[in-house]
Protein backbone atom coordinates (compact mmCIF):
# COMPACT_ATOMS: atom_id res chain seq x y z
CA UNK A 1 18.57 -9.05 -5.18
CA UNK A 2 16.33 -11.78 -4.12
CA UNK A 3 13.34 -12.53 -5.44
CA UNK A 4 10.16 -13.10 -3.22
CA UNK A 5 8.82 -16.44 -3.20
CA UNK A 6 4.81 -17.39 -3.62
CA UNK A 7 3.73 -20.42 -3.64
CA UNK A 8 0.13 -20.99 -4.93
CA UNK A 9 -2.38 -23.59 -3.73
CA UNK A 10 -4.95 -24.26 -6.04
CA UNK A 11 -6.65 -27.49 -7.32
CA UNK A 12 -7.57 -26.63 -10.92
CA UNK A 13 -4.33 -26.92 -13.08
CA UNK A 14 -5.53 -24.69 -15.61
CA UNK A 15 -6.28 -21.74 -13.11
CA UNK A 16 -2.85 -22.83 -11.10
CA UNK A 17 -0.41 -22.90 -14.47
CA UNK A 18 -2.19 -19.34 -15.21
CA UNK A 19 -1.23 -18.00 -11.75
CA UNK A 20 2.09 -19.29 -11.92
CA UNK A 21 2.86 -18.01 -15.33
CA UNK A 22 1.20 -14.46 -14.14
CA UNK A 23 3.61 -14.56 -11.21
CA UNK A 24 7.04 -15.52 -12.61
CA UNK A 25 6.60 -13.20 -15.54
CA UNK A 26 6.69 -10.34 -12.85
CA UNK A 27 9.94 -12.00 -11.45
CA UNK A 28 8.69 -13.89 -8.55
CA UNK A 29 9.80 -17.53 -7.65
CA UNK A 30 6.95 -19.19 -7.43
CA UNK A 31 6.20 -23.64 -6.18
CA UNK A 32 2.65 -24.31 -6.69
CA UNK A 33 0.22 -27.12 -5.09
CA UNK A 34 -2.66 -28.98 -6.19
CA UNK A 35 -4.53 -30.05 -2.84
CA UNK A 36 -4.57 -28.07 0.61
CA UNK A 37 -2.67 -31.10 1.95
CA UNK A 38 0.82 -30.94 -0.31
CA UNK A 39 -0.03 -26.85 0.00
CA UNK A 40 0.92 -27.23 3.54
CA UNK A 41 4.01 -29.20 3.26
CA UNK A 42 5.09 -27.01 0.72
CA UNK A 43 4.91 -23.92 3.01
CA UNK A 44 6.56 -25.74 5.54
CA UNK A 45 9.09 -26.98 3.79
CA UNK A 46 9.82 -23.40 1.92
CA UNK A 47 8.71 -20.24 4.32
CA UNK A 48 7.40 -18.25 1.13
CA UNK A 49 6.89 -14.40 1.38
CA UNK A 50 3.65 -15.07 0.18
CA UNK A 51 0.44 -17.69 -0.35
CA UNK A 52 -1.93 -17.57 -3.04
CA UNK A 53 -4.72 -20.49 -1.95
CA UNK A 54 -7.99 -21.30 -3.22
CA UNK A 55 -10.76 -21.63 -1.00
CA UNK A 56 -13.00 -24.37 -2.66
CA UNK A 57 -10.64 -27.53 -2.76
CA UNK A 58 -10.92 -31.36 -1.94
CA UNK A 59 -9.00 -32.93 1.17
CA UNK A 60 -8.39 -29.88 2.34
CA UNK A 61 -10.31 -26.51 1.83
CA UNK A 62 -8.48 -22.64 2.23
CA UNK A 63 -10.13 -22.25 5.62
CA UNK A 64 -8.35 -25.17 6.51
CA UNK A 65 -4.79 -24.92 5.24
CA UNK A 66 -4.69 -21.07 6.63
CA UNK A 67 -5.38 -22.51 10.24
CA UNK A 68 -3.20 -25.28 10.51
CA UNK A 69 -0.37 -22.54 8.68
CA UNK A 70 -1.63 -19.78 11.52
CA UNK A 71 -0.93 -22.23 14.15
CA UNK A 72 2.56 -22.81 12.94
CA UNK A 73 5.15 -20.45 15.00
CA UNK A 74 7.17 -20.60 11.72
CA UNK A 75 4.26 -19.96 9.00
CA UNK A 76 2.34 -18.29 11.46
CA UNK A 77 2.92 -14.50 10.19
CA UNK A 78 2.88 -15.44 6.14
CA UNK A 79 0.60 -13.01 4.27
CA UNK A 80 -2.26 -15.15 2.61
CA UNK A 81 -4.38 -14.31 0.36
CA UNK A 82 -7.74 -16.58 -0.77
CA UNK A 83 -8.73 -17.02 -4.35
CA UNK A 84 -12.11 -16.65 -4.87
CA UNK A 85 -15.11 -17.27 -6.78
CA UNK A 86 -17.65 -14.16 -6.24
CA UNK A 87 -20.32 -16.79 -4.82
CA UNK A 88 -18.06 -17.65 -2.30
CA UNK A 89 -17.96 -13.66 -0.71
CA UNK A 90 -20.05 -14.37 2.18
CA UNK A 91 -17.66 -17.11 3.49
CA UNK A 92 -14.68 -14.73 3.62
CA UNK A 93 -15.45 -13.02 6.53
CA UNK A 94 -15.04 -16.35 8.21
CA UNK A 95 -11.24 -16.18 6.26
CA UNK A 96 -10.82 -13.14 7.71
CA UNK A 97 -11.44 -13.86 11.03
CA UNK A 98 -9.09 -16.66 10.78
CA UNK A 99 -5.64 -13.85 9.71
CA UNK A 100 -6.53 -13.70 5.72
CA UNK A 101 -4.37 -10.75 4.52
CA UNK A 102 -6.73 -10.08 0.86
CA UNK A 103 -8.45 -11.90 -1.34
CA UNK A 104 -8.77 -11.81 -5.09
CA UNK A 105 -11.95 -13.03 -6.93
CA UNK A 106 -12.09 -15.44 -10.25
CA UNK A 107 -12.11 -14.69 -12.92
CA UNK A 108 -8.78 -11.90 -11.87
CA UNK A 109 -7.21 -9.28 -13.64
CA UNK A 110 -3.43 -9.60 -13.79
CA UNK A 111 -2.58 -6.07 -12.76
CA UNK A 112 -4.97 -7.26 -10.18
CA UNK A 113 -3.51 -9.32 -8.58
CA UNK A 114 -0.19 -8.18 -8.89
CA UNK A 115 -0.83 -5.41 -7.74
CA UNK A 116 -2.19 -6.95 -4.43
CA UNK A 117 0.76 -9.47 -4.30
CA UNK A 118 2.87 -6.65 -4.38
CA UNK A 119 1.33 -4.74 -1.48
CA UNK A 120 0.95 -8.21 0.96
CA UNK A 121 4.92 -8.95 0.51
CA UNK A 122 5.72 -4.79 0.81
CA UNK A 123 3.44 -4.86 3.81
CA UNK A 124 5.02 -7.86 5.54
CA UNK A 125 8.48 -6.27 4.80
CA UNK A 126 8.06 -2.96 6.65
CA UNK A 127 6.06 -5.07 9.51
CA UNK A 128 9.01 -7.27 10.13
CA UNK A 129 11.92 -5.00 11.87
CA UNK A 130 8.44 -4.21 14.33
CA UNK A 131 8.44 -8.13 15.64
CA UNK A 132 12.41 -9.20 14.95
CA UNK A 133 14.65 -10.49 12.30
CA UNK A 134 13.01 -11.43 9.62
CA UNK A 135 14.92 -14.95 9.45
CA UNK A 136 13.87 -15.60 13.33
CA UNK A 137 10.19 -17.00 13.46
CA UNK A 138 7.47 -14.18 13.94
CA UNK A 139 6.01 -13.77 17.78
CA UNK A 140 2.72 -14.79 18.22
CA UNK A 141 0.39 -13.15 19.93
CA UNK A 142 -1.13 -15.15 22.92
CA UNK A 143 -4.20 -14.18 24.80
CA UNK A 144 -1.97 -13.58 27.60
CA UNK A 145 -0.20 -11.14 25.22
CA UNK A 146 -2.84 -9.62 23.75
CA UNK A 147 -4.66 -8.99 27.28
CA UNK A 148 -1.10 -7.31 28.34
CA UNK A 149 -1.10 -5.16 25.21
CA UNK A 150 -4.99 -4.48 25.62
CA UNK A 151 -4.26 -3.36 29.61
CA UNK A 152 -1.14 -0.95 28.05
CA UNK A 153 -2.94 0.68 25.85
CA UNK A 154 -5.99 1.10 27.79
CA UNK A 155 -3.57 2.45 30.83
CA UNK A 156 -2.11 5.39 28.26
CA UNK A 157 -6.01 7.01 28.18
CA UNK A 158 -5.07 8.29 31.27
CA UNK A 159 -2.23 10.39 29.79
CA UNK A 160 -4.77 11.87 27.18
CA UNK A 161 -6.96 14.84 27.39
CA UNK A 162 -10.62 14.65 26.83
CA UNK A 163 -12.72 16.35 24.50
CA UNK A 164 -16.24 16.40 23.97
CA UNK A 165 -17.96 16.82 20.29
CA UNK A 166 -21.46 17.49 20.02
CA UNK A 167 -23.48 18.09 17.06
CA UNK A 168 -22.07 15.16 14.89
CA UNK A 169 -18.96 17.71 14.53
CA UNK A 170 -15.54 17.07 13.06
CA UNK A 171 -13.00 15.00 15.24
CA UNK A 172 -10.69 14.39 11.83
CA UNK A 173 -10.62 14.60 8.34
CA UNK A 174 -9.34 12.51 5.91
CA UNK A 175 -5.75 13.46 4.85
CA UNK A 176 -5.77 15.95 8.21
CA UNK A 177 -2.07 15.40 9.17
CA UNK A 178 -1.77 12.91 12.98
CA UNK A 179 -1.16 14.68 15.96
CA UNK A 180 -3.02 11.85 18.15
CA UNK A 181 -4.57 8.64 18.33
CA UNK A 182 -8.09 8.52 19.94
CA UNK A 183 -10.54 6.53 22.30
CA UNK A 184 -14.44 6.85 22.93
CA UNK A 185 -14.94 7.49 26.42
CA UNK A 186 -18.46 7.71 25.86
CA UNK A 187 -21.12 8.58 22.75
CA UNK A 188 -20.55 7.09 19.64
CA UNK A 189 -17.42 8.01 16.36
CA UNK A 190 -18.36 7.64 12.77
CA UNK A 191 -15.49 6.36 10.52
CA UNK A 192 -16.48 7.55 6.79
CA UNK A 193 -14.92 8.66 3.50
CA UNK A 194 -16.08 11.43 0.89
CA UNK A 195 -16.51 10.66 -3.26
CA UNK A 196 -15.55 13.51 -4.92
CA UNK A 197 -18.89 13.74 -5.55
CA UNK A 198 -19.73 14.27 -2.36
CA UNK A 199 -21.28 11.20 -1.48
CA UNK A 200 -20.78 9.52 2.43
CA UNK A 201 -20.03 6.13 2.63
CA UNK A 202 -19.59 5.14 6.90
CA UNK A 203 -17.04 2.42 6.81
CA UNK A 204 -17.41 1.95 10.56
CA UNK A 205 -19.71 2.63 14.21
CA UNK A 206 -17.43 2.94 17.43
CA UNK A 207 -18.88 2.89 20.79
CA UNK A 208 -17.07 3.59 24.22
CA UNK A 209 -13.64 2.07 24.82
CA UNK A 210 -12.88 1.36 20.98
CA UNK A 211 -9.24 2.90 19.71
CA UNK A 212 -9.40 5.34 16.39
CA UNK A 213 -6.79 6.35 14.53
CA UNK A 214 -4.09 3.88 14.98
CA UNK A 215 -3.27 2.46 11.88
CA UNK A 216 -2.92 6.07 10.43
CA UNK A 217 0.16 6.29 13.12
CA UNK A 218 1.84 3.63 10.87
CA UNK A 219 0.27 4.37 7.43
CA UNK A 220 1.66 7.93 6.71
CA UNK A 221 0.01 10.42 4.48
CA UNK A 222 -2.44 11.89 7.26
CA UNK A 223 -5.58 10.07 8.53
CA UNK A 224 -7.11 7.58 5.78
CA UNK A 225 -10.90 8.27 6.63
CA UNK A 226 -12.97 11.19 8.52
CA UNK A 227 -14.04 10.98 12.20
CA UNK A 228 -16.92 12.54 13.52
CA UNK A 229 -19.34 12.75 16.24
CA UNK A 230 -22.01 10.28 15.57
CA UNK A 231 -24.23 12.48 17.14
CA UNK A 232 -22.36 12.84 20.43
CA UNK A 233 -18.90 11.78 22.04
CA UNK A 234 -16.82 12.19 24.55
CA UNK A 235 -13.35 11.56 22.97
CA UNK A 236 -9.96 10.83 24.94
CA UNK A 237 -6.98 12.37 22.90
CA UNK A 238 -3.68 10.83 23.31
CA UNK A 239 -0.41 12.37 21.68
CA UNK A 240 1.13 10.31 19.12
CA UNK A 241 4.78 10.42 20.20
CA UNK A 242 3.26 8.69 23.72
CA UNK A 243 1.47 6.75 21.51
CA UNK A 244 4.63 5.45 19.90
CA UNK A 245 6.99 5.32 23.34
CA UNK A 246 3.99 2.71 24.16
CA UNK A 247 5.18 0.61 20.73
CA UNK A 248 8.37 0.54 20.70
CA UNK A 249 8.16 -0.74 24.49
CA UNK A 250 5.86 -3.10 23.96
CA UNK A 251 5.92 -6.11 20.78
CA UNK A 252 2.67 -7.49 21.39
CA UNK A 253 0.83 -4.42 20.91
CA UNK A 254 2.38 -4.19 18.01
CA UNK A 255 1.52 -7.38 16.56
CA UNK A 256 -2.14 -6.83 17.92
CA UNK A 257 -2.22 -3.23 16.03
CA UNK A 258 -0.60 -5.01 12.72
CA UNK A 259 -3.20 -7.83 12.86
CA UNK A 260 -6.30 -5.08 13.68
CA UNK A 261 -5.12 -2.82 10.27
CA UNK A 262 -5.36 -5.96 8.27
CA UNK A 263 -8.70 -6.71 9.47
CA UNK A 264 -9.84 -3.13 9.28
CA UNK A 265 -8.74 -2.96 5.86
CA UNK A 266 -10.56 -6.61 4.73
CA UNK A 267 -13.71 -4.98 6.18
CA UNK A 268 -13.57 -1.55 4.18
CA UNK A 269 -12.91 -3.60 1.18
CA UNK A 270 -15.76 -6.56 1.76
CA UNK A 271 -18.32 -3.09 2.14
CA UNK A 272 -16.71 -1.90 -0.99
CA UNK A 273 -17.62 -4.94 -2.93
CA UNK A 274 -21.30 -5.43 -1.42
CA UNK A 275 -22.21 -1.60 -2.21
CA UNK A 276 -20.83 -2.76 -5.99
CA UNK A 277 -22.67 -6.16 -6.43
CA UNK A 278 -25.18 -7.07 -3.43
CA UNK A 279 -28.86 -6.26 -3.43
CA UNK A 280 -30.03 -3.03 -1.27
CA UNK A 281 -32.01 -5.92 0.87
CA UNK A 282 -28.45 -7.65 1.44
CA UNK A 283 -26.48 -4.93 1.98
CA UNK A 284 -29.05 -3.69 5.06
CA UNK A 285 -28.92 -7.18 6.41
CA UNK A 286 -25.34 -7.15 6.48
CA UNK A 287 -25.58 -3.58 8.09
CA UNK A 288 -27.86 -4.84 10.45
CA UNK A 289 -25.67 -7.92 11.40
CA UNK A 290 -22.23 -5.92 11.62
CA UNK A 291 -23.85 -3.94 14.27
CA UNK A 292 -25.69 -6.59 16.09
CA UNK A 293 -22.20 -8.57 16.39
CA UNK A 294 -21.07 -5.51 17.85
CA UNK A 295 -23.41 -5.15 20.55
CA UNK A 296 -22.78 -8.59 21.66
CA UNK A 297 -26.44 -9.13 22.85
CA UNK A 298 -29.27 -11.66 22.06
CA UNK A 299 -31.83 -8.89 21.29
CA UNK A 300 -30.03 -5.84 19.97
CA UNK A 301 -30.95 -2.66 19.91
CA UNK A 302 -29.77 -0.62 16.97
CA UNK A 303 -29.93 2.60 17.43
CA UNK A 304 -29.44 4.87 13.81
CA UNK A 305 -31.48 7.34 11.65
CA UNK A 306 -32.66 6.00 8.64
CA UNK A 307 -29.88 8.36 7.00
CA UNK A 308 -26.85 7.03 8.61
CA UNK A 309 -27.86 3.66 7.48
CA UNK A 310 -28.47 4.67 3.71
CA UNK A 311 -25.14 6.38 4.24
CA UNK A 312 -23.31 3.10 5.41
CA UNK A 313 -24.43 0.55 2.46
CA UNK A 314 -25.30 3.12 -0.79
CA UNK A 315 -28.90 3.50 -0.59
CA UNK A 316 -31.46 6.27 0.07
CA UNK A 317 -33.30 6.51 3.51
CA UNK A 318 -36.53 5.87 2.06
CA UNK A 319 -35.03 2.47 0.40
CA UNK A 320 -33.67 1.88 4.36
CA UNK A 321 -37.36 2.64 5.58
CA UNK A 322 -38.71 0.22 2.80
CA UNK A 323 -36.61 -2.92 3.61
CA UNK A 324 -36.63 -2.56 7.06
CA UNK A 325 -40.87 -2.44 6.64
CA UNK A 326 -40.31 -5.68 4.94
CA UNK A 327 -37.64 -7.52 7.18
CA UNK A 328 -40.42 -6.40 10.09
CA UNK A 329 -43.38 -8.16 8.28
CA UNK A 330 -40.72 -11.13 7.48
CA UNK A 331 -40.30 -11.91 11.26
CA UNK A 332 -36.49 -10.64 10.83
CA UNK A 333 -36.33 -7.26 12.84
CA UNK A 334 -38.75 -5.28 14.96
CA UNK A 335 -39.17 -1.91 14.79
CA UNK A 336 -39.87 -0.28 18.29
CA UNK A 337 -42.08 2.57 18.43
CA UNK A 338 -39.85 4.16 20.59
CA UNK A 339 -36.93 4.07 18.00
CA UNK A 340 -34.50 2.06 16.48
CA UNK A 341 -33.99 -1.45 15.08
CA UNK A 342 -34.17 -4.88 17.24
CA UNK A 343 -32.45 -7.48 15.55
CA UNK A 344 -34.60 -10.81 16.25
CA UNK A 345 -33.62 -13.40 13.62
CA UNK A 346 -29.55 -13.34 12.74
CA UNK A 347 -29.99 -16.55 10.70
CA UNK A 348 -33.12 -15.36 8.54
CA UNK A 349 -31.17 -12.22 7.99
CA UNK A 350 -27.88 -13.96 7.12
CA UNK A 351 -29.98 -15.84 4.43
CA UNK A 352 -31.55 -13.09 2.99
CA UNK A 353 -30.31 -13.40 -0.75
CA UNK A 354 -27.31 -11.12 -2.63
């Protein structure tokens, strides 16, 4: 049986040797490179099953490595995992936007590293049959392909049935069997997780035009998160069989969904990390920045209750109110008397210390 090949790109000799030894003991084939330039050459020459790459390196940093490899059709689909110090976590969004599959923080636990490596290689193997023979270069999703896929998916909503959800009613719960995929026709939808102790963690807030539940069709085992109206929403429900038929006829859509799933997983992991390590001020600032980014306006009005924000960042409504008042005094946000939150200083919010 062929052993997967992992390439480690890391400028610190001791860290690189430690990583390579750990992977070799786990029965992976391993090659190492001391900098970004050598790493790119090594990847192109050997086409590995996975790449582990440090973020901060001389000559060519991890972001540069990833960007070069993603532009090459032969290496564009190779799973790419960043190795990063905890202090660099705020830079990870840039990496995820470039197409990184995951990240591991240094110093790392061996079992954590091996679990992430195994998962990403397994996911890549499962996705390979959808985009052609794994011995051939995988398809690259061009901007034209993306638009075709998006139009095809939006047209599918015409074959669905509309249903109105009010007063924060449930659309589905985590673990429920997947019968449909969903599109927000109007209003808002909240995706969330509930812990065994009854605590709610908001994963995402979706507006008009957004699709959700798509990744659960491929993952199996029921819905991965719960969804509810936020507070009211009209939803288009499309039967899973119709969605899968479209997927089989449209490989570009498969690629788009696979990449979106990877980005969603990375975002959820980042949110959980923020709850674990960031201050309340920083978590609220990051949440406001994400919300404002989705609205795509220069001055963004975020129409959410303090309770909703508290659930999203893992704190209390009282703490949210206190921090928003501080942000208002600092000139970072405006709190209109009619309600909502206006982000007026994006750079200032981004600079809130962790």
